[in-house]
Amino acid sequence: MTAIRTATVSRKTNETDISITLAMDCAGAQAIQIDSGIGFLDHMYHALAKHSGWSLSLACKGDLHIDDHHTAEDTAIALGMAFKQALGEPRGIKRFGSAYAPLDEALSRAVVDISGRPHASIDLGLKREMIGTLSCEMIPHVMESFAQAAGITLHVDVLKGFNDHHRAESAFKALAVALKNAIERTGTNDVPSTKGVL
């Protein structure tokens, strides 16, 4: 049986203290424990882990007495670092992944390239100022920060929907399925690039 891809990351700054353990390839035997201090962000990370087939433990003590920015951004950076570390050299994977995910009236599309070239184009079209205690402006920024730290190309678009909770959650679910597809093992040792390296 092929080994599960895992990583443990600790990231401490003057603003946040984060510990993450990530294990890919855990569908059917997942353990997910999220405590960022921001309820809706926990909800989004839980959906991301669940539909990616990950086991994920994430704990953050952040400066929420200031606002949500540092906690949201830094947890996404740390999660991207863990993703990149767990994946290792992008060899023997599909590399590309895409998915649509609905949530009631909302529909989102995510497209991923494990490219080694960080880029994110995120259009969620959120209209509320906050969902719970998470600023809506931080939701696309979380995806951008994850993509930068993970070293991936990421496009996420909400195609329709009027409920911002549904729009955000469908976006994270689409991202999860696209990531799951992109890191799926092919059974080869091939680097999926004409350059021979990613």
C-alpha atoms as a PDB file:
ATOM      1  CA  MET A   1       0.000   0.000   0.000  1.00  0.00           C
ATOM      2  CA  THR A   2       1.290   3.460  -0.891  1.00  0.00           C
ATOM      3  CA  ALA A   3       2.245   5.612   2.075  1.00  0.00           C
ATOM      4  CA  ILE A   4      -0.017   8.445   3.135  1.00  0.00           C
ATOM      5  CA  ARG A   5       1.445  11.859   2.333  1.00  0.00           C
ATOM      6  CA  THR A   6       1.766  13.835   5.573  1.00  0.00           C
ATOM      7  CA  ALA A   7       3.177  17.060   6.961  1.00  0.00           C
ATOM      8  CA  THR A   8       3.387  18.900  10.250  1.00  0.00           C
ATOM      9  CA  VAL A   9       3.893  22.652  10.257  1.00  0.00           C
ATOM     10  CA  SER A  10       4.346  25.093  13.122  1.00  0.00           C
ATOM     11  CA  ARG A  11       4.322  28.795  12.320  1.00  0.00           C
ATOM     12  CA  LYS A  12       4.680  31.417  15.025  1.00  0.00           C
ATOM     13  CA  THR A  13       4.773  35.176  14.589  1.00  0.00           C
ATOM     14  CA  ASN A  14       4.010  38.138  16.834  1.00  0.00           C
ATOM     15  CA  GLU A  15       0.437  37.907  15.524  1.00  0.00           C
ATOM     16  CA  THR A  16      -0.380  34.187  15.380  1.00  0.00           C
ATOM     17  CA  ASP A  17       0.759  30.835  16.737  1.00  0.00           C
ATOM     18  CA  ILE A  18      -0.319  28.017  14.415  1.00  0.00           C
ATOM     19  CA  SER A  19       0.154  24.254  14.416  1.00  0.00           C
ATOM     20  CA  ILE A  20      -1.055  22.049  11.570  1.00  0.00           C
ATOM     21  CA  THR A  21      -0.919  18.334  10.868  1.00  0.00           C
ATOM     22  CA  LEU A  22      -2.108  17.309   7.422  1.00  0.00           C
ATOM     23  CA  ALA A  23      -2.477  13.818   5.998  1.00  0.00           C
ATOM     24  CA  MET A  24      -3.618  13.357   2.418  1.00  0.00           C
ATOM     25  CA  ASP A  25      -5.217  10.155   1.089  1.00  0.00           C
ATOM     26  CA  CYS A  26      -7.414   9.615   4.157  1.00  0.00           C
ATOM     27  CA  ALA A  27     -10.872   9.390   2.577  1.00  0.00           C
ATOM     28  CA  GLY A  28     -13.025   7.076   4.668  1.00  0.00           C
ATOM     29  CA  ALA A  29     -10.780   7.346   7.729  1.00  0.00           C
ATOM     30  CA  GLN A  30     -10.551  11.070   8.291  1.00  0.00           C
ATOM     31  CA  ALA A  31      -9.894  12.930  11.519  1.00  0.00           C
ATOM     32  CA  ILE A  32     -10.640  16.652  11.290  1.00  0.00           C
ATOM     33  CA  GLN A  33     -10.127  19.091  14.163  1.00  0.00           C
ATOM     34  CA  ILE A  34     -10.126  22.816  13.406  1.00  0.00           C
ATOM     35  CA  ASP A  35      -9.815  25.654  15.909  1.00  0.00           C
ATOM     36  CA  SER A  36      -8.780  28.965  14.383  1.00  0.00           C
ATOM     37  CA  GLY A  37     -10.850  31.051  16.749  1.00  0.00           C
ATOM     38  CA  ILE A  38     -13.102  32.142  13.850  1.00  0.00           C
ATOM     39  CA  GLY A  39     -16.168  29.940  13.527  1.00  0.00           C
ATOM     40  CA  PHE A  40     -16.950  30.436   9.843  1.00  0.00           C
ATOM     41  CA  LEU A  41     -13.297  29.987   8.883  1.00  0.00           C
ATOM     42  CA  ASP A  42     -13.298  26.701  10.823  1.00  0.00           C
ATOM     43  CA  HIS A  43     -16.394  25.689   8.851  1.00  0.00           C
ATOM     44  CA  MET A  44     -14.646  26.426   5.531  1.00  0.00           C
ATOM     45  CA  TYR A  45     -11.452  24.571   6.489  1.00  0.00           C
ATOM     46  CA  HIS A  46     -13.530  21.612   7.658  1.00  0.00           C
ATOM     47  CA  ALA A  47     -15.323  21.493   4.293  1.00  0.00           C
ATOM     48  CA  LEU A  48     -11.984  21.787   2.475  1.00  0.00           C
ATOM     49  CA  ALA A  49     -10.462  18.888   4.410  1.00  0.00           C
ATOM     50  CA  LYS A  50     -13.555  16.704   4.240  1.00  0.00           C
ATOM     51  CA  HIS A  51     -14.012  16.911   0.486  1.00  0.00           C
ATOM     52  CA  SER A  52     -10.271  16.753  -0.259  1.00  0.00           C
ATOM     53  CA  GLY A  53     -10.040  13.436   1.596  1.00  0.00           C
ATOM     54  CA  TRP A  54      -7.617  14.868   4.164  1.00  0.00           C
ATOM     55  CA  SER A  55      -7.154  14.379   7.841  1.00  0.00           C
ATOM     56  CA  LEU A  56      -6.429  17.821   9.244  1.00  0.00           C
ATOM     57  CA  SER A  57      -5.616  19.194  12.660  1.00  0.00           C
ATOM     58  CA  LEU A  58      -5.336  22.985  12.745  1.00  0.00           C
ATOM     59  CA  ALA A  59      -5.006  25.130  15.854  1.00  0.00           C
ATOM     60  CA  CYS A  60      -4.376  28.860  15.933  1.00  0.00           C
ATOM     61  CA  LYS A  61      -4.044  31.413  18.676  1.00  0.00           C
ATOM     62  CA  GLY A  62      -4.273  34.773  16.938  1.00  0.00           C
ATOM     63  CA  ASP A  63      -4.660  38.431  17.708  1.00  0.00           C
ATOM     64  CA  LEU A  64      -8.424  38.427  17.252  1.00  0.00           C
ATOM     65  CA  HIS A  65      -8.682  41.351  19.647  1.00  0.00           C
ATOM     66  CA  ILE A  66      -7.365  43.381  16.689  1.00  0.00           C
ATOM     67  CA  ASP A  67      -9.370  41.771  13.886  1.00  0.00           C
ATOM     68  CA  ASP A  68      -9.606  38.588  11.820  1.00  0.00           C
ATOM     69  CA  HIS A  69      -6.992  39.447   9.186  1.00  0.00           C
ATOM     70  CA  HIS A  70      -3.829  37.913  10.641  1.00  0.00           C
ATOM     71  CA  THR A  71      -5.549  34.709  11.761  1.00  0.00           C
ATOM     72  CA  ALA A  72      -7.270  34.124   8.422  1.00  0.00           C
ATOM     73  CA  GLU A  73      -4.199  34.958   6.343  1.00  0.00           C
ATOM     74  CA  ASP A  74      -1.650  33.126   8.482  1.00  0.00           C
ATOM     75  CA  THR A  75      -3.669  29.911   8.819  1.00  0.00           C
ATOM     76  CA  ALA A  76      -4.008  29.846   5.034  1.00  0.00           C
ATOM     77  CA  ILE A  77      -0.266  30.367   4.600  1.00  0.00           C
ATOM     78  CA  ALA A  78       0.505  27.589   7.085  1.00  0.00           C
ATOM     79  CA  LEU A  79      -1.999  25.268   5.414  1.00  0.00           C
ATOM     80  CA  GLY A  80      -0.421  25.967   2.033  1.00  0.00           C
ATOM     81  CA  MET A  81       3.002  25.200   3.491  1.00  0.00           C
ATOM     82  CA  ALA A  82       1.688  21.908   4.891  1.00  0.00           C
ATOM     83  CA  PHE A  83       0.090  21.020   1.552  1.00  0.00           C
ATOM     84  CA  LYS A  84       3.349  21.630  -0.310  1.00  0.00           C
ATOM     85  CA  GLN A  85       5.374  19.678   2.247  1.00  0.00           C
ATOM     86  CA  ALA A  86       2.963  16.716   2.293  1.00  0.00           C
ATOM     87  CA  LEU A  87       2.801  16.540  -1.495  1.00  0.00           C
ATOM     88  CA  GLY A  88       6.582  16.572  -1.851  1.00  0.00           C
ATOM     89  CA  GLU A  89       8.009  16.533  -5.352  1.00  0.00           C
ATOM     90  CA  PRO A  90       5.037  16.677  -7.747  1.00  0.00           C
ATOM     91  CA  ARG A  91       5.778  13.345  -9.375  1.00  0.00           C
ATOM     92  CA  GLY A  92       3.284  10.627 -10.260  1.00  0.00           C
ATOM     93  CA  ILE A  93       0.233  12.878  -9.834  1.00  0.00           C
ATOM     94  CA  LYS A  94      -2.385  14.130 -12.281  1.00  0.00           C
ATOM     95  CA  ARG A  95      -1.256  17.759 -11.721  1.00  0.00           C
ATOM     96  CA  PHE A  96      -4.480  19.320 -13.041  1.00  0.00           C
ATOM     97  CA  GLY A  97      -7.810  19.223 -11.271  1.00  0.00           C
ATOM     98  CA  SER A  98     -11.159  20.887 -11.778  1.00  0.00           C
ATOM     99  CA  ALA A  99     -14.545  20.651 -10.142  1.00  0.00           C
ATOM    100  CA  TYR A 100     -17.975  22.189  -9.874  1.00  0.00           C
ATOM    101  CA  ALA A 101     -19.764  22.165  -6.537  1.00  0.00           C
ATOM    102  CA  PRO A 102     -23.297  23.327  -5.822  1.00  0.00           C
ATOM    103  CA  LEU A 103     -24.814  24.313  -2.517  1.00  0.00           C
ATOM    104  CA  ASP A 104     -28.528  24.838  -3.035  1.00  0.00           C
ATOM    105  CA  GLU A 105     -28.808  27.871  -5.358  1.00  0.00           C
ATOM    106  CA  ALA A 106     -25.039  28.554  -5.398  1.00  0.00           C
ATOM    107  CA  LEU A 107     -22.651  26.987  -7.900  1.00  0.00           C
ATOM    108  CA  SER A 108     -18.858  27.300  -7.920  1.00  0.00           C
ATOM    109  CA  ARG A 109     -16.039  26.183 -10.195  1.00  0.00           C
ATOM    110  CA  ALA A 110     -12.438  25.568  -9.149  1.00  0.00           C
ATOM    111  CA  VAL A 111      -9.479  24.783 -11.403  1.00  0.00           C
ATOM    112  CA  VAL A 112      -6.074  23.794  -9.983  1.00  0.00           C
ATOM    113  CA  ASP A 113      -2.628  23.315 -11.488  1.00  0.00           C
ATOM    114  CA  ILE A 114       0.131  21.917  -9.255  1.00  0.00           C
ATOM    115  CA  SER A 115       2.474  24.065 -11.285  1.00  0.00           C
ATOM    116  CA  GLY A 116       5.132  25.351  -8.896  1.00  0.00           C
ATOM    117  CA  ARG A 117       4.061  28.812 -10.085  1.00  0.00           C
ATOM    118  CA  PRO A 118       1.909  30.490  -7.446  1.00  0.00           C
ATOM    119  CA  HIS A 119      -1.064  32.365  -8.853  1.00  0.00           C
ATOM    120  CA  ALA A 120      -4.631  32.865  -7.711  1.00  0.00           C
ATOM    121  CA  SER A 121      -7.608  34.355  -9.493  1.00  0.00           C
ATOM    122  CA  ILE A 122     -10.576  34.330  -7.124  1.00  0.00           C
ATOM    123  CA  ASP A 123     -14.013  35.788  -7.860  1.00  0.00           C
ATOM    124  CA  LEU A 124     -16.603  34.920  -5.223  1.00  0.00           C
ATOM    125  CA  GLY A 125     -18.835  37.967  -5.630  1.00  0.00           C
ATOM    126  CA  LEU A 126     -19.649  38.189  -1.920  1.00  0.00           C
ATOM    127  CA  LYS A 127     -21.814  41.131  -0.891  1.00  0.00           C
ATOM    128  CA  ARG A 128     -22.056  40.935   2.888  1.00  0.00           C
ATOM    129  CA  GLU A 129     -19.447  42.594   5.073  1.00  0.00           C
ATOM    130  CA  MET A 130     -19.176  39.609   7.421  1.00  0.00           C
ATOM    131  CA  ILE A 131     -20.238  35.984   7.649  1.00  0.00           C
ATOM    132  CA  GLY A 132     -20.226  35.253  11.345  1.00  0.00           C
ATOM    133  CA  THR A 133     -17.006  36.831  12.601  1.00  0.00           C
ATOM    134  CA  LEU A 134     -15.113  36.431   9.315  1.00  0.00           C
ATOM    135  CA  SER A 135     -14.805  39.440   7.013  1.00  0.00           C
ATOM    136  CA  CYS A 136     -16.004  38.556   3.519  1.00  0.00           C
ATOM    137  CA  GLU A 137     -12.966  40.315   2.047  1.00  0.00           C
ATOM    138  CA  MET A 138     -10.788  37.738   3.805  1.00  0.00           C
ATOM    139  CA  ILE A 139     -12.455  34.720   2.186  1.00  0.00           C
ATOM    140  CA  PRO A 140     -10.850  35.134  -1.264  1.00  0.00           C
ATOM    141  CA  HIS A 141      -7.658  36.257   0.480  1.00  0.00           C
ATOM    142  CA  VAL A 142      -7.545  32.930   2.334  1.00  0.00           C
ATOM    143  CA  MET A 143      -7.602  31.111  -1.016  1.00  0.00           C
ATOM    144  CA  GLU A 144      -4.965  33.454  -2.449  1.00  0.00           C
ATOM    145  CA  SER A 145      -2.681  32.982   0.562  1.00  0.00           C
ATOM    146  CA  PHE A 146      -3.087  29.194   0.400  1.00  0.00           C
ATOM    147  CA  ALA A 147      -2.204  29.143  -3.315  1.00  0.00           C
ATOM    148  CA  GLN A 148       0.875  31.330  -2.822  1.00  0.00           C
ATOM    149  CA  ALA A 149       2.247  29.179  -0.001  1.00  0.00           C
ATOM    150  CA  ALA A 150       1.350  25.905  -1.727  1.00  0.00           C
ATOM    151  CA  GLY A 151       2.979  27.004  -4.983  1.00  0.00           C
ATOM    152  CA  ILE A 152      -0.077  26.250  -7.098  1.00  0.00           C
ATOM    153  CA  THR A 153      -2.135  27.986  -9.762  1.00  0.00           C
ATOM    154  CA  LEU A 154      -5.716  28.410  -8.615  1.00  0.00           C
ATOM    155  CA  HIS A 155      -8.852  29.781 -10.247  1.00  0.00           C
ATOM    156  CA  VAL A 156     -12.095  29.828  -8.249  1.00  0.00           C
ATOM    157  CA  ASP A 157     -15.301  31.439  -9.482  1.00  0.00           C
ATOM    158  CA  VAL A 158     -18.784  31.467  -8.009  1.00  0.00           C
ATOM    159  CA  LEU A 159     -21.024  31.197 -11.047  1.00  0.00           C
ATOM    160  CA  LYS A 160     -24.374  31.834  -9.400  1.00  0.00           C
ATOM    161  CA  GLY A 161     -26.132  32.135  -6.074  1.00  0.00           C
ATOM    162  CA  PHE A 162     -27.535  34.842  -3.835  1.00  0.00           C
ATOM    163  CA  ASN A 163     -26.734  33.557  -0.324  1.00  0.00           C
ATOM    164  CA  ASP A 164     -23.172  34.497   0.605  1.00  0.00           C
ATOM    165  CA  HIS A 165     -22.783  31.578   3.037  1.00  0.00           C
ATOM    166  CA  HIS A 166     -23.737  29.209   0.221  1.00  0.00           C
ATOM    167  CA  ARG A 167     -21.487  30.997  -2.284  1.00  0.00           C
ATOM    168  CA  ALA A 168     -18.440  30.778  -0.008  1.00  0.00           C
ATOM    169  CA  GLU A 169     -19.049  27.190   1.046  1.00  0.00           C
ATOM    170  CA  SER A 170     -19.636  25.952  -2.495  1.00  0.00           C
ATOM    171  CA  ALA A 171     -16.353  27.633  -3.494  1.00  0.00           C
ATOM    172  CA  PHE A 172     -14.405  25.798  -0.790  1.00  0.00           C
ATOM    173  CA  LYS A 173     -16.070  22.507  -1.714  1.00  0.00           C
ATOM    174  CA  ALA A 174     -15.209  22.985  -5.387  1.00  0.00           C
ATOM    175  CA  LEU A 175     -11.624  23.791  -4.392  1.00  0.00           C
ATOM    176  CA  ALA A 176     -11.476  20.661  -2.266  1.00  0.00           C
ATOM    177  CA  VAL A 177     -12.593  18.352  -5.079  1.00  0.00           C
ATOM    178  CA  ALA A 178     -10.277  20.037  -7.593  1.00  0.00           C
ATOM    179  CA  LEU A 179      -7.310  19.596  -5.223  1.00  0.00           C
ATOM    180  CA  LYS A 180      -8.248  15.959  -4.637  1.00  0.00           C
ATOM    181  CA  ASN A 181      -8.272  15.374  -8.396  1.00  0.00           C
ATOM    182  CA  ALA A 182      -4.994  17.225  -8.997  1.00  0.00           C
ATOM    183  CA  ILE A 183      -2.987  15.288  -6.393  1.00  0.00           C
ATOM    184  CA  GLU A 184      -4.442  11.902  -7.337  1.00  0.00           C
ATOM    185  CA  ARG A 185      -1.679   9.383  -7.924  1.00  0.00           C
ATOM    186  CA  THR A 186      -1.291   8.043 -11.454  1.00  0.00           C
ATOM    187  CA  GLY A 187       0.705   4.945 -10.569  1.00  0.00           C
ATOM    188  CA  THR A 188       3.769   6.248 -12.409  1.00  0.00           C
ATOM    189  CA  ASN A 189       6.901   8.092 -11.328  1.00  0.00           C
ATOM    190  CA  ASP A 190       6.502  10.653 -14.091  1.00  0.00           C
ATOM    191  CA  VAL A 191       6.842  14.402 -13.608  1.00  0.00           C
ATOM    192  CA  PRO A 192       3.723  15.751 -15.348  1.00  0.00           C
ATOM    193  CA  SER A 193       5.466  18.472 -17.346  1.00  0.00           C
ATOM    194  CA  THR A 194       7.125  18.781 -20.737  1.00  0.00           C
ATOM    195  CA  LYS A 195       9.948  20.560 -18.913  1.00  0.00           C
ATOM    196  CA  GLY A 196      10.663  17.453 -16.843  1.00  0.00           C
ATOM    197  CA  VAL A 197      10.434  19.453 -13.637  1.00  0.00           C
ATOM    198  CA  LEU A 198       7.786  21.366 -11.710  1.00  0.00           C
END
